[in-house]
Structure formats: structure tokens, C-alpha cells
PDB file of N, CA and C in Angstrom:
ATOM      1  N   UNK A   1      -9.869 -31.656 -38.019  1.00  0.00           N
ATOM      2  CA  UNK A   1     -11.135 -31.927 -37.356  1.00  0.00           C
ATOM      3  C   UNK A   1     -11.391 -33.431 -37.264  1.00  0.00           C
ATOM      4  N   UNK A   2     -11.035 -34.164 -38.329  1.00  0.00           N
ATOM      5  CA  UNK A   2     -11.237 -35.607 -38.307  1.00  0.00           C
ATOM      6  C   UNK A   2     -10.365 -36.280 -37.251  1.00  0.00           C
ATOM      7  N   UNK A   3      -9.159 -35.739 -37.037  1.00  0.00           N
ATOM      8  CA  UNK A   3      -8.264 -36.313 -36.029  1.00  0.00           C
ATOM      9  C   UNK A   3      -8.880 -36.207 -34.636  1.00  0.00           C
ATOM     10  N   UNK A   4      -9.442 -35.063 -34.319  1.00  0.00           N
ATOM     11  CA  UNK A   4     -10.078 -34.877 -33.012  1.00  0.00           C
ATOM     12  C   UNK A   4     -11.276 -35.808 -32.868  1.00  0.00           C
ATOM     13  N   UNK A   5     -12.043 -35.950 -33.929  1.00  0.00           N
ATOM     14  CA  UNK A   5     -13.192 -36.840 -33.903  1.00  0.00           C
ATOM     15  C   UNK A   5     -12.762 -38.294 -33.727  1.00  0.00           C
ATOM     16  N   UNK A   6     -11.684 -38.685 -34.388  1.00  0.00           N
ATOM     17  CA  UNK A   6     -11.170 -40.053 -34.250  1.00  0.00           C
ATOM     18  C   UNK A   6     -10.694 -40.318 -32.827  1.00  0.00           C
ATOM     19  N   UNK A   7     -10.032 -39.348 -32.226  1.00  0.00           N
ATOM     20  CA  UNK A   7      -9.566 -39.511 -30.852  1.00  0.00           C
ATOM     21  C   UNK A   7     -10.742 -39.616 -29.894  1.00  0.00           C
ATOM     22  N   UNK A   8     -11.754 -38.788 -30.110  1.00  0.00           N
ATOM     23  CA  UNK A   8     -12.939 -38.849 -29.242  1.00  0.00           C
ATOM     24  C   UNK A   8     -13.693 -40.168 -29.404  1.00  0.00           C
ATOM     25  N   UNK A   9     -13.766 -40.673 -30.622  1.00  0.00           N
ATOM     26  CA  UNK A   9     -14.423 -41.965 -30.841  1.00  0.00           C
ATOM     27  C   UNK A   9     -13.613 -43.103 -30.225  1.00  0.00           C
ATOM     28  N   UNK A  10     -12.285 -43.002 -30.297  1.00  0.00           N
ATOM     29  CA  UNK A  10     -11.439 -44.004 -29.649  1.00  0.00           C
ATOM     30  C   UNK A  10     -11.620 -43.949 -28.138  1.00  0.00           C
ATOM     31  N   UNK A  11     -11.718 -42.754 -27.582  1.00  0.00           N
ATOM     32  CA  UNK A  11     -11.948 -42.595 -26.144  1.00  0.00           C
ATOM     33  C   UNK A  11     -13.303 -43.190 -25.753  1.00  0.00           C
ATOM     34  N   UNK A  12     -14.301 -42.992 -26.590  1.00  0.00           N
ATOM     35  CA  UNK A  12     -15.613 -43.583 -26.336  1.00  0.00           C
ATOM     36  C   UNK A  12     -15.518 -45.109 -26.321  1.00  0.00           C
ATOM     37  N   UNK A  13     -14.756 -45.663 -27.258  1.00  0.00           N
ATOM     38  CA  UNK A  13     -14.566 -47.114 -27.305  1.00  0.00           C
ATOM     39  C   UNK A  13     -13.839 -47.605 -26.055  1.00  0.00           C
ATOM     40  N   UNK A  14     -12.859 -46.851 -25.583  1.00  0.00           N
ATOM     41  CA  UNK A  14     -12.133 -47.225 -24.365  1.00  0.00           C
ATOM     42  C   UNK A  14     -13.078 -47.237 -23.164  1.00  0.00           C
ATOM     43  N   UNK A  15     -13.919 -46.232 -23.057  1.00  0.00           N
ATOM     44  CA  UNK A  15     -14.873 -46.157 -21.938  1.00  0.00           C
ATOM     45  C   UNK A  15     -15.868 -47.318 -22.016  1.00  0.00           C
ATOM     46  N   UNK A  16     -16.381 -47.589 -23.200  1.00  0.00           N
ATOM     47  CA  UNK A  16     -17.337 -48.687 -23.357  1.00  0.00           C
ATOM     48  C   UNK A  16     -16.715 -50.020 -22.964  1.00  0.00           C
ATOM     49  N   UNK A  17     -15.495 -50.254 -23.421  1.00  0.00           N
ATOM     50  CA  UNK A  17     -14.836 -51.522 -23.113  1.00  0.00           C
ATOM     51  C   UNK A  17     -14.457 -51.615 -21.638  1.00  0.00           C
ATOM     52  N   UNK A  18     -14.092 -50.491 -21.033  1.00  0.00           N
ATOM     53  CA  UNK A  18     -13.769 -50.508 -19.602  1.00  0.00           C
ATOM     54  C   UNK A  18     -15.004 -50.849 -18.774  1.00  0.00           C
ATOM     55  N   UNK A  19     -16.169 -50.416 -19.235  1.00  0.00           N
ATOM     56  CA  UNK A  19     -17.405 -50.759 -18.536  1.00  0.00           C
ATOM     57  C   UNK A  19     -17.836 -52.195 -18.809  1.00  0.00           C
ATOM     58  N   UNK A  20     -17.451 -52.727 -19.955  1.00  0.00           N
ATOM     59  CA  UNK A  20     -17.843 -54.075 -20.348  1.00  0.00           C
ATOM     60  C   UNK A  20     -16.919 -55.151 -19.770  1.00  0.00           C
ATOM     61  N   UNK A  21     -15.618 -54.887 -19.759  1.00  0.00           N
ATOM     62  CA  UNK A  21     -14.628 -55.874 -19.331  1.00  0.00           C
ATOM     63  C   UNK A  21     -14.200 -55.604 -17.889  1.00  0.00           C
ATOM     64  N   UNK A  22     -14.228 -56.627 -17.064  1.00  0.00           N
ATOM     65  CA  UNK A  22     -13.894 -56.433 -15.649  1.00  0.00           C
ATOM     66  C   UNK A  22     -12.396 -56.274 -15.412  1.00  0.00           C
ATOM     67  N   UNK A  23     -11.547 -56.694 -16.343  1.00  0.00           N
ATOM     68  CA  UNK A  23     -10.103 -56.596 -16.177  1.00  0.00           C
ATOM     69  C   UNK A  23      -9.514 -55.281 -16.645  1.00  0.00           C
ATOM     70  N   UNK A  24     -10.356 -54.375 -17.120  1.00  0.00           N
ATOM     71  CA  UNK A  24      -9.912 -53.074 -17.631  1.00  0.00           C
ATOM     72  C   UNK A  24     -10.635 -51.993 -16.835  1.00  0.00           C
ATOM     73  N   UNK A  25      -9.909 -50.949 -16.440  1.00  0.00           N
ATOM     74  CA  UNK A  25     -10.593 -49.832 -15.798  1.00  0.00           C
ATOM     75  C   UNK A  25     -10.008 -48.497 -16.239  1.00  0.00           C
ATOM     76  N   UNK A  26     -10.904 -47.516 -16.288  1.00  0.00           N
ATOM     77  CA  UNK A  26     -10.546 -46.141 -16.642  1.00  0.00           C
ATOM     78  C   UNK A  26     -11.220 -45.249 -15.610  1.00  0.00           C
ATOM     79  N   UNK A  27     -10.454 -44.321 -15.054  1.00  0.00           N
ATOM     80  CA  UNK A  27     -10.990 -43.451 -14.000  1.00  0.00           C
ATOM     81  C   UNK A  27     -12.044 -42.466 -14.497  1.00  0.00           C
ATOM     82  N   UNK A  28     -11.768 -41.817 -15.632  1.00  0.00           N
ATOM     83  CA  UNK A  28     -12.672 -40.755 -16.089  1.00  0.00           C
ATOM     84  C   UNK A  28     -12.646 -40.663 -17.608  1.00  0.00           C
ATOM     85  N   UNK A  29     -13.486 -39.792 -18.128  1.00  0.00           N
ATOM     86  CA  UNK A  29     -13.522 -39.576 -19.572  1.00  0.00           C
ATOM     87  C   UNK A  29     -12.248 -38.875 -20.053  1.00  0.00           C
ATOM     88  N   UNK A  30     -11.709 -38.006 -19.225  1.00  0.00           N
ATOM     89  CA  UNK A  30     -10.448 -37.336 -19.576  1.00  0.00           C
ATOM     90  C   UNK A  30      -9.329 -38.367 -19.685  1.00  0.00           C
ATOM     91  N   UNK A  31      -9.316 -39.315 -18.748  1.00  0.00           N
ATOM     92  CA  UNK A  31      -8.321 -40.392 -18.806  1.00  0.00           C
ATOM     93  C   UNK A  31      -8.496 -41.207 -20.079  1.00  0.00           C
ATOM     94  N   UNK A  32      -9.731 -41.448 -20.484  1.00  0.00           N
ATOM     95  CA  UNK A  32      -9.989 -42.203 -21.711  1.00  0.00           C
ATOM     96  C   UNK A  32      -9.462 -41.453 -22.932  1.00  0.00           C
ATOM     97  N   UNK A  33      -9.603 -40.139 -22.936  1.00  0.00           N
ATOM     98  CA  UNK A  33      -9.068 -39.343 -24.049  1.00  0.00           C
ATOM     99  C   UNK A  33      -7.542 -39.426 -24.056  1.00  0.00           C
ATOM    100  N   UNK A  34      -6.938 -39.352 -22.864  1.00  0.00           N
ATOM    101  CA  UNK A  34      -5.478 -39.475 -22.776  1.00  0.00           C
ATOM    102  C   UNK A  34      -5.034 -40.854 -23.236  1.00  0.00           C
ATOM    103  N   UNK A  35      -5.771 -41.893 -22.861  1.00  0.00           N
ATOM    104  CA  UNK A  35      -5.448 -43.259 -23.307  1.00  0.00           C
ATOM    105  C   UNK A  35      -5.532 -43.345 -24.825  1.00  0.00           C
ATOM    106  N   UNK A  36      -6.550 -42.755 -25.419  1.00  0.00           N
ATOM    107  CA  UNK A  36      -6.693 -42.776 -26.878  1.00  0.00           C
ATOM    108  C   UNK A  36      -5.511 -42.082 -27.551  1.00  0.00           C
ATOM    109  N   UNK A  37      -5.068 -40.957 -27.002  1.00  0.00           N
ATOM    110  CA  UNK A  37      -3.928 -40.234 -27.573  1.00  0.00           C
ATOM    111  C   UNK A  37      -2.644 -41.043 -27.413  1.00  0.00           C
ATOM    112  N   UNK A  38      -2.429 -41.610 -26.207  1.00  0.00           N
ATOM    113  CA  UNK A  38      -1.224 -42.398 -25.963  1.00  0.00           C
ATOM    114  C   UNK A  38      -1.195 -43.637 -26.854  1.00  0.00           C
ATOM    115  N   UNK A  39      -2.332 -44.310 -27.003  1.00  0.00           N
ATOM    116  CA  UNK A  39      -2.377 -45.484 -27.880  1.00  0.00           C
ATOM    117  C   UNK A  39      -2.084 -45.105 -29.329  1.00  0.00           C
ATOM    118  N   UNK A  40      -2.590 -43.967 -29.754  1.00  0.00           N
ATOM    119  CA  UNK A  40      -2.296 -43.510 -31.120  1.00  0.00           C
ATOM    120  C   UNK A  40      -0.813 -43.256 -31.299  1.00  0.00           C
ATOM    121  N   UNK A  41      -0.192 -42.597 -30.328  1.00  0.00           N
ATOM    122  CA  UNK A  41       1.244 -42.324 -30.415  1.00  0.00           C
ATOM    123  C   UNK A  41       2.071 -43.604 -30.345  1.00  0.00           C
ATOM    124  N   UNK A  42       1.697 -44.521 -29.470  1.00  0.00           N
ATOM    125  CA  UNK A  42       2.428 -45.787 -29.375  1.00  0.00           C
ATOM    126  C   UNK A  42       2.293 -46.601 -30.655  1.00  0.00           C
ATOM    127  N   UNK A  43       1.100 -46.606 -31.227  1.00  0.00           N
ATOM    128  CA  UNK A  43       0.906 -47.332 -32.490  1.00  0.00           C
ATOM    129  C   UNK A  43       1.688 -46.692 -33.632  1.00  0.00           C
ATOM    130  N   UNK A  44       1.908 -45.390 -33.543  1.00  0.00           N
ATOM    131  CA  UNK A  44       2.642 -44.681 -34.588  1.00  0.00           C
ATOM    132  C   UNK A  44       4.151 -44.820 -34.424  1.00  0.00           C
ATOM    133  N   UNK A  45       4.637 -44.809 -33.177  1.00  0.00           N
ATOM    134  CA  UNK A  45       6.074 -44.774 -32.940  1.00  0.00           C
ATOM    135  C   UNK A  45       6.638 -46.145 -32.561  1.00  0.00           C
ATOM    136  N   UNK A  46       6.052 -46.807 -31.579  1.00  0.00           N
ATOM    137  CA  UNK A  46       6.627 -48.028 -31.019  1.00  0.00           C
ATOM    138  C   UNK A  46       6.263 -49.275 -31.827  1.00  0.00           C
ATOM    139  N   UNK A  47       5.028 -49.353 -32.284  1.00  0.00           N
ATOM    140  CA  UNK A  47       4.574 -50.568 -32.965  1.00  0.00           C
ATOM    141  C   UNK A  47       5.396 -50.924 -34.207  1.00  0.00           C
ATOM    142  N   UNK A  48       5.744 -49.966 -35.074  1.00  0.00           N
ATOM    143  CA  UNK A  48       6.562 -50.354 -36.237  1.00  0.00           C
ATOM    144  C   UNK A  48       7.914 -50.937 -35.842  1.00  0.00           C
ATOM    145  N   UNK A  49       8.507 -50.416 -34.782  1.00  0.00           N
ATOM    146  CA  UNK A  49       9.793 -50.951 -34.321  1.00  0.00           C
ATOM    147  C   UNK A  49       9.610 -52.380 -33.819  1.00  0.00           C
ATOM    148  N   UNK A  50       8.568 -52.615 -33.040  1.00  0.00           N
ATOM    149  CA  UNK A  50       8.307 -53.962 -32.544  1.00  0.00           C
ATOM    150  C   UNK A  50       8.007 -54.942 -33.676  1.00  0.00           C
ATOM    151  N   UNK A  51       7.280 -54.484 -34.673  1.00  0.00           N
ATOM    152  CA  UNK A  51       6.951 -55.352 -35.811  1.00  0.00           C
ATOM    153  C   UNK A  51       8.225 -55.746 -36.558  1.00  0.00           C
ATOM    154  N   UNK A  52       9.114 -54.805 -36.766  1.00  0.00           N
ATOM    155  CA  UNK A  52      10.362 -55.108 -37.471  1.00  0.00           C
ATOM    156  C   UNK A  52      11.241 -56.039 -36.644  1.00  0.00           C
ATOM    157  N   UNK A  53      11.339 -55.787 -35.341  1.00  0.00           N
ATOM    158  CA  UNK A  53      12.186 -56.627 -34.489  1.00  0.00           C
ATOM    159  C   UNK A  53      11.661 -58.054 -34.363  1.00  0.00           C
ATOM    160  N   UNK A  54      10.359 -58.223 -34.456  1.00  0.00           N
ATOM    161  CA  UNK A  54       9.770 -59.560 -34.294  1.00  0.00           C
ATOM    162  C   UNK A  54       9.302 -60.159 -35.620  1.00  0.00           C
ATOM    163  N   UNK A  55       9.818 -59.661 -36.711  1.00  0.00           N
ATOM    164  CA  UNK A  55       9.375 -60.124 -38.026  1.00  0.00           C
ATOM    165  C   UNK A  55       9.526 -61.642 -38.226  1.00  0.00           C
ATOM    166  N   UNK A  56      10.658 -62.267 -37.832  1.00  0.00           N
ATOM    167  CA  UNK A  56      10.742 -63.722 -38.018  1.00  0.00           C
ATOM    168  C   UNK A  56       9.652 -64.492 -37.263  1.00  0.00           C
ATOM    169  N   UNK A  57       9.373 -64.091 -36.029  1.00  0.00           N
ATOM    170  CA  UNK A  57       8.332 -64.760 -35.243  1.00  0.00           C
ATOM    171  C   UNK A  57       6.964 -64.510 -35.867  1.00  0.00           C
ATOM    172  N   UNK A  58       6.746 -63.308 -36.355  1.00  0.00           N
ATOM    173  CA  UNK A  58       5.473 -62.969 -36.990  1.00  0.00           C
ATOM    174  C   UNK A  58       5.262 -63.815 -38.245  1.00  0.00           C
ATOM    175  N   UNK A  59       6.314 -64.014 -39.007  1.00  0.00           N
ATOM    176  CA  UNK A  59       6.202 -64.837 -40.215  1.00  0.00           C
ATOM    177  C   UNK A  59       5.931 -66.291 -39.843  1.00  0.00           C
ATOM    178  N   UNK A  60       6.645 -66.789 -38.830  1.00  0.00           N
ATOM    179  CA  UNK A  60       6.442 -68.182 -38.411  1.00  0.00           C
ATOM    180  C   UNK A  60       5.025 -68.433 -37.893  1.00  0.00           C
ATOM    181  N   UNK A  61       4.452 -67.460 -37.250  1.00  0.00           N
ATOM    182  CA  UNK A  61       3.100 -67.624 -36.704  1.00  0.00           C
ATOM    183  C   UNK A  61       2.021 -67.138 -37.671  1.00  0.00           C
ATOM    184  N   UNK A  62       2.427 -66.838 -38.889  1.00  0.00           N
ATOM    185  CA  UNK A  62       1.500 -66.376 -39.927  1.00  0.00           C
ATOM    186  C   UNK A  62       0.747 -65.107 -39.518  1.00  0.00           C
ATOM    187  N   UNK A  63       1.436 -64.246 -38.799  1.00  0.00           N
ATOM    188  CA  UNK A  63       0.875 -62.960 -38.433  1.00  0.00           C
ATOM    189  C   UNK A  63       0.160 -62.922 -37.098  1.00  0.00           C
ATOM    190  N   UNK A  64      -0.023 -64.060 -36.464  1.00  0.00           N
ATOM    191  CA  UNK A  64      -0.740 -64.079 -35.192  1.00  0.00           C
ATOM    192  C   UNK A  64       0.031 -63.389 -34.069  1.00  0.00           C
ATOM    193  N   UNK A  65       1.347 -63.297 -34.200  1.00  0.00           N
ATOM    194  CA  UNK A  65       2.142 -62.626 -33.172  1.00  0.00           C
ATOM    195  C   UNK A  65       1.829 -61.135 -33.119  1.00  0.00           C
ATOM    196  N   UNK A  66       1.248 -60.592 -34.176  1.00  0.00           N
ATOM    197  CA  UNK A  66       0.840 -59.185 -34.159  1.00  0.00           C
ATOM    198  C   UNK A  66      -0.208 -58.920 -33.078  1.00  0.00           C
ATOM    199  N   UNK A  67      -1.003 -59.935 -32.743  1.00  0.00           N
ATOM    200  CA  UNK A  67      -1.971 -59.795 -31.655  1.00  0.00           C
ATOM    201  C   UNK A  67      -1.251 -59.582 -30.326  1.00  0.00           C
ATOM    202  N   UNK A  68      -0.153 -60.293 -30.126  1.00  0.00           N
ATOM    203  CA  UNK A  68       0.639 -60.136 -28.910  1.00  0.00           C
ATOM    204  C   UNK A  68       1.278 -58.750 -28.876  1.00  0.00           C
ATOM    205  N   UNK A  69       1.746 -58.284 -30.018  1.00  0.00           N
ATOM    206  CA  UNK A  69       2.327 -56.939 -30.078  1.00  0.00           C
ATOM    207  C   UNK A  69       1.282 -55.899 -29.704  1.00  0.00           C
ATOM    208  N   UNK A  70       0.063 -56.059 -30.196  1.00  0.00           N
ATOM    209  CA  UNK A  70      -1.020 -55.135 -29.831  1.00  0.00           C
ATOM    210  C   UNK A  70      -1.293 -55.173 -28.323  1.00  0.00           C
ATOM    211  N   UNK A  71      -1.267 -56.364 -27.740  1.00  0.00           N
ATOM    212  CA  UNK A  71      -1.482 -56.486 -26.297  1.00  0.00           C
ATOM    213  C   UNK A  71      -0.351 -55.820 -25.520  1.00  0.00           C
ATOM    214  N   UNK A  72       0.875 -55.937 -26.007  1.00  0.00           N
ATOM    215  CA  UNK A  72       2.013 -55.292 -25.354  1.00  0.00           C
ATOM    216  C   UNK A  72       1.870 -53.768 -25.419  1.00  0.00           C
ATOM    217  N   UNK A  73       1.378 -53.256 -26.539  1.00  0.00           N
ATOM    218  CA  UNK A  73       1.138 -51.813 -26.670  1.00  0.00           C
ATOM    219  C   UNK A  73       0.097 -51.359 -25.644  1.00  0.00           C
ATOM    220  N   UNK A  74      -0.945 -52.153 -25.434  1.00  0.00           N
ATOM    221  CA  UNK A  74      -1.967 -51.837 -24.434  1.00  0.00           C
ATOM    222  C   UNK A  74      -1.349 -51.838 -23.036  1.00  0.00           C
ATOM    223  N   UNK A  75      -0.518 -52.834 -22.731  1.00  0.00           N
ATOM    224  CA  UNK A  75       0.123 -52.894 -21.418  1.00  0.00           C
ATOM    225  C   UNK A  75       1.103 -51.730 -21.220  1.00  0.00           C
ATOM    226  N   UNK A  76       1.749 -51.307 -22.284  1.00  0.00           N
ATOM    227  CA  UNK A  76       2.641 -50.148 -22.199  1.00  0.00           C
ATOM    228  C   UNK A  76       1.839 -48.879 -21.902  1.00  0.00           C
ATOM    229  N   UNK A  77       0.681 -48.747 -22.537  1.00  0.00           N
ATOM    230  CA  UNK A  77      -0.191 -47.604 -22.253  1.00  0.00           C
ATOM    231  C   UNK A  77      -0.665 -47.651 -20.808  1.00  0.00           C
ATOM    232  N   UNK A  78      -0.897 -48.854 -20.292  1.00  0.00           N
ATOM    233  CA  UNK A  78      -1.283 -49.015 -18.894  1.00  0.00           C
ATOM    234  C   UNK A  78      -0.199 -48.464 -17.971  1.00  0.00           C
ATOM    235  N   UNK A  79       1.059 -48.677 -18.315  1.00  0.00           N
ATOM    236  CA  UNK A  79       2.170 -48.182 -17.497  1.00  0.00           C
ATOM    237  C   UNK A  79       2.342 -46.669 -17.616  1.00  0.00           C
ATOM    238  N   UNK A  80       1.987 -46.115 -18.756  1.00  0.00           N
ATOM    239  CA  UNK A  80       2.220 -44.695 -19.007  1.00  0.00           C
ATOM    240  C   UNK A  80       1.098 -43.781 -18.516  1.00  0.00           C
ATOM    241  N   UNK A  81      -0.128 -44.283 -18.468  1.00  0.00           N
ATOM    242  CA  UNK A  81      -1.276 -43.442 -18.138  1.00  0.00           C
ATOM    243  C   UNK A  81      -1.806 -43.816 -16.756  1.00  0.00           C
ATOM    244  N   UNK A  82      -1.759 -42.845 -15.850  1.00  0.00           N
ATOM    245  CA  UNK A  82      -2.348 -43.049 -14.525  1.00  0.00           C
ATOM    246  C   UNK A  82      -3.868 -43.006 -14.662  1.00  0.00           C
ATOM    247  N   UNK A  83      -4.532 -43.919 -13.992  1.00  0.00           N
ATOM    248  CA  UNK A  83      -5.988 -43.968 -14.084  1.00  0.00           C
ATOM    249  C   UNK A  83      -6.495 -44.950 -15.119  1.00  0.00           C
ATOM    250  N   UNK A  84      -5.587 -45.618 -15.800  1.00  0.00           N
ATOM    251  CA  UNK A  84      -5.950 -46.649 -16.773  1.00  0.00           C
ATOM    252  C   UNK A  84      -5.253 -47.923 -16.331  1.00  0.00           C
ATOM    253  N   UNK A  85      -6.009 -48.999 -16.244  1.00  0.00           N
ATOM    254  CA  UNK A  85      -5.412 -50.239 -15.772  1.00  0.00           C
ATOM    255  C   UNK A  85      -5.873 -51.449 -16.551  1.00  0.00           C
ATOM    256  N   UNK A  86      -4.924 -52.371 -16.724  1.00  0.00           N
ATOM    257  CA  UNK A  86      -5.199 -53.648 -17.373  1.00  0.00           C
ATOM    258  C   UNK A  86      -4.628 -54.722 -16.450  1.00  0.00           C
ATOM    259  N   UNK A  87      -5.424 -55.716 -16.098  1.00  0.00           N
ATOM    260  CA  UNK A  87      -4.988 -56.714 -15.127  1.00  0.00           C
ATOM    261  C   UNK A  87      -3.831 -57.581 -15.627  1.00  0.00           C
ATOM    262  N   UNK A  88      -3.951 -58.118 -16.835  1.00  0.00           N
ATOM    263  CA  UNK A  88      -2.895 -58.996 -17.354  1.00  0.00           C
ATOM    264  C   UNK A  88      -2.919 -58.992 -18.881  1.00  0.00           C
ATOM    265  N   UNK A  89      -2.041 -59.784 -19.462  1.00  0.00           N
ATOM    266  CA  UNK A  89      -1.909 -59.770 -20.925  1.00  0.00           C
ATOM    267  C   UNK A  89      -3.150 -60.334 -21.612  1.00  0.00           C
ATOM    268  N   UNK A  90      -3.864 -61.231 -20.941  1.00  0.00           N
ATOM    269  CA  UNK A  90      -5.062 -61.801 -21.559  1.00  0.00           C
ATOM    270  C   UNK A  90      -6.166 -60.750 -21.689  1.00  0.00           C
ATOM    271  N   UNK A  91      -6.310 -59.926 -20.651  1.00  0.00           N
ATOM    272  CA  UNK A  91      -7.265 -58.830 -20.738  1.00  0.00           C
ATOM    273  C   UNK A  91      -6.818 -57.821 -21.786  1.00  0.00           C
ATOM    274  N   UNK A  92      -5.507 -57.587 -21.862  1.00  0.00           N
ATOM    275  CA  UNK A  92      -4.981 -56.663 -22.870  1.00  0.00           C
ATOM    276  C   UNK A  92      -5.244 -57.184 -24.275  1.00  0.00           C
ATOM    277  N   UNK A  93      -5.112 -58.484 -24.466  1.00  0.00           N
ATOM    278  CA  UNK A  93      -5.366 -59.093 -25.775  1.00  0.00           C
ATOM    279  C   UNK A  93      -6.842 -58.949 -26.154  1.00  0.00           C
ATOM    280  N   UNK A  94      -7.725 -59.253 -25.221  1.00  0.00           N
ATOM    281  CA  UNK A  94      -9.159 -59.116 -25.489  1.00  0.00           C
ATOM    282  C   UNK A  94      -9.539 -57.657 -25.721  1.00  0.00           C
ATOM    283  N   UNK A  95      -8.988 -56.766 -24.900  1.00  0.00           N
ATOM    284  CA  UNK A  95      -9.235 -55.333 -25.056  1.00  0.00           C
ATOM    285  C   UNK A  95      -8.764 -54.851 -26.419  1.00  0.00           C
ATOM    286  N   UNK A  96      -7.588 -55.301 -26.839  1.00  0.00           N
ATOM    287  CA  UNK A  96      -7.032 -54.905 -28.133  1.00  0.00           C
ATOM    288  C   UNK A  96      -7.925 -55.348 -29.289  1.00  0.00           C
ATOM    289  N   UNK A  97      -8.388 -56.585 -29.228  1.00  0.00           N
ATOM    290  CA  UNK A  97      -9.263 -57.101 -30.294  1.00  0.00           C
ATOM    291  C   UNK A  97     -10.580 -56.332 -30.355  1.00  0.00           C
ATOM    292  N   UNK A  98     -11.196 -56.145 -29.197  1.00  0.00           N
ATOM    293  CA  UNK A  98     -12.479 -55.445 -29.169  1.00  0.00           C
ATOM    294  C   UNK A  98     -12.330 -53.964 -29.508  1.00  0.00           C
ATOM    295  N   UNK A  99     -11.220 -53.354 -29.085  1.00  0.00           N
ATOM    296  CA  UNK A  99     -10.983 -51.947 -29.421  1.00  0.00           C
ATOM    297  C   UNK A  99     -10.825 -51.779 -30.933  1.00  0.00           C
ATOM    298  N   UNK A 100     -10.092 -52.665 -31.556  1.00  0.00           N
ATOM    299  CA  UNK A 100      -9.938 -52.600 -33.015  1.00  0.00           C
ATOM    300  C   UNK A 100     -11.277 -52.758 -33.717  1.00  0.00           C
ATOM    301  N   UNK A 101     -12.094 -53.676 -33.212  1.00  0.00           N
ATOM    302  CA  UNK A 101     -13.414 -53.907 -33.791  1.00  0.00           C
ATOM    303  C   UNK A 101     -14.296 -52.669 -33.651  1.00  0.00           C
ATOM    304  N   UNK A 102     -14.351 -52.101 -32.452  1.00  0.00           N
ATOM    305  CA  UNK A 102     -15.170 -50.906 -32.240  1.00  0.00           C
ATOM    306  C   UNK A 102     -14.662 -49.716 -33.045  1.00  0.00           C
ATOM    307  N   UNK A 103     -13.342 -49.549 -33.107  1.00  0.00           N
ATOM    308  CA  UNK A 103     -12.789 -48.442 -33.877  1.00  0.00           C
ATOM    309  C   UNK A 103     -13.124 -48.583 -35.354  1.00  0.00           C
ATOM    310  N   UNK A 104     -13.086 -49.781 -35.872  1.00  0.00           N
ATOM    311  CA  UNK A 104     -13.423 -49.951 -37.287  1.00  0.00           C
ATOM    312  C   UNK A 104     -14.886 -49.600 -37.547  1.00  0.00           C
ATOM    313  N   UNK A 105     -15.753 -49.924 -36.601  1.00  0.00           N
ATOM    314  CA  UNK A 105     -17.164 -49.548 -36.746  1.00  0.00           C
ATOM    315  C   UNK A 105     -17.321 -48.034 -36.657  1.00  0.00           C
ATOM    316  N   UNK A 106     -16.717 -47.434 -35.627  1.00  0.00           N
ATOM    317  CA  UNK A 106     -16.848 -45.984 -35.433  1.00  0.00           C
ATOM    318  C   UNK A 106     -16.225 -45.204 -36.578  1.00  0.00           C
ATOM    319  N   UNK A 107     -15.048 -45.636 -37.040  1.00  0.00           N
ATOM    320  CA  UNK A 107     -14.355 -44.891 -38.093  1.00  0.00           C
ATOM    321  C   UNK A 107     -15.037 -45.051 -39.444  1.00  0.00           C
ATOM    322  N   UNK A 108     -15.777 -46.142 -39.638  1.00  0.00           N
ATOM    323  CA  UNK A 108     -16.516 -46.289 -40.892  1.00  0.00           C
ATOM    324  C   UNK A 108     -17.639 -45.262 -40.980  1.00  0.00           C
ATOM    325  N   UNK A 109     -18.102 -44.806 -39.826  1.00  0.00           N
ATOM    326  CA  UNK A 109     -19.112 -43.757 -39.791  1.00  0.00           C
ATOM    327  C   UNK A 109     -18.530 -42.438 -40.293  1.00  0.00           C
ATOM    328  N   UNK A 110     -17.233 -42.212 -40.000  1.00  0.00           N
ATOM    329  CA  UNK A 110     -16.580 -40.959 -40.384  1.00  0.00           C
ATOM    330  C   UNK A 110     -16.295 -40.850 -41.882  1.00  0.00           C
ATOM    331  N   UNK A 111     -16.192 -41.993 -42.548  1.00  0.00           N
ATOM    332  CA  UNK A 111     -15.873 -41.947 -43.964  1.00  0.00           C
ATOM    333  C   UNK A 111     -16.987 -41.248 -44.729  1.00  0.00           C
ATOM    334  N   UNK A 112     -16.550 -40.424 -45.646  1.00  0.00           N
ATOM    335  CA  UNK A 112     -17.530 -39.733 -46.469  1.00  0.00           C
ATOM    336  C   UNK A 112     -18.058 -40.701 -47.514  1.00  0.00           C
ATOM    337  N   UNK A 113     -19.340 -40.663 -47.772  1.00  0.00           N
ATOM    338  CA  UNK A 113     -19.881 -41.568 -48.790  1.00  0.00           C
ATOM    339  C   UNK A 113     -19.358 -41.214 -50.184  1.00  0.00           C
ATOM    340  N   UNK A 114     -19.058 -42.244 -50.938  1.00  0.00           N
ATOM    341  CA  UNK A 114     -18.580 -42.024 -52.296  1.00  0.00           C
ATOM    342  C   UNK A 114     -19.757 -41.690 -53.201  1.00  0.00           C
ATOM    343  N   UNK A 115     -19.510 -40.721 -54.072  1.00  0.00           N
ATOM    344  CA  UNK A 115     -20.563 -40.337 -54.997  1.00  0.00           C
ATOM    345  C   UNK A 115     -20.521 -41.297 -56.188  1.00  0.00           C
ATOM    346  N   UNK A 116     -21.675 -41.756 -56.566  1.00  0.00           N
ATOM    347  CA  UNK A 116     -21.774 -42.613 -57.739  1.00  0.00           C
ATOM    348  C   UNK A 116     -22.351 -41.806 -58.893  1.00  0.00           C
ATOM    349  N   UNK A 117     -21.761 -41.991 -60.038  1.00  0.00           N
ATOM    350  CA  UNK A 117     -22.287 -41.233 -61.185  1.00  0.00           C
ATOM    351  C   UNK A 117     -22.635 -42.139 -62.316  1.00  0.00           C
TER     352      UNK A 117
END
């Protein structure tokens, strides 16, 4: 149940950012859900491979190259999902940063409160 909720919250974040940023567009809410699923799969499968392959560059840039990897994942999702578009890598970078920020806010809502005794 939490997985479905996380995907729906990610889709909500995609729709919000598509309405906020002029370089990003999403055709419909269904497309946003598909984008959320594709991004989850790409982050699970492709991102670890990219991180390992670019480890020397990531170390040299003190981890900042991970931002570029995130933007590349967004551009890859743009190629895979019809109805989702990103104009260029700069929009993908901004979208990636804001999506991570919104997801952290939304997912913190899902966490169950810890009981204090």
C-alpha cells in the first residue's frame, strides 16, 4: 500500500513541477503516474550502474556529478515515456532537484510517527 501511495505522491510532484516549470510538460495525470513508475525503475536499475561507471568523476567533483546523473535519468525517462517532455539538460537538472525536494516533503508525511515512552 505504501508503494502505491509513494508512486501517487511522486506523480503529484511531477504534475506540480510540470505546471510550475515551462521547460517540462506532462500530458495527463496517467502520464504522470507512468513517469513516476519509470523514474522509480530507472533509479533502481540504471542509476547504480551509472554511479559505478562514473565513480572517479563523482569523487573528483565531490559528489556533484550525481546531479548530472539524476538529470540524465530524467532525460532518459523523457525518451521512454510519450507525453512527458523535458526541453534540455538544464531543465532536467532543475526538475530533478525540485522533484527530490518535493518527494522528501511528501514522503516524510508517509512516515509513521515514532512512539516515545
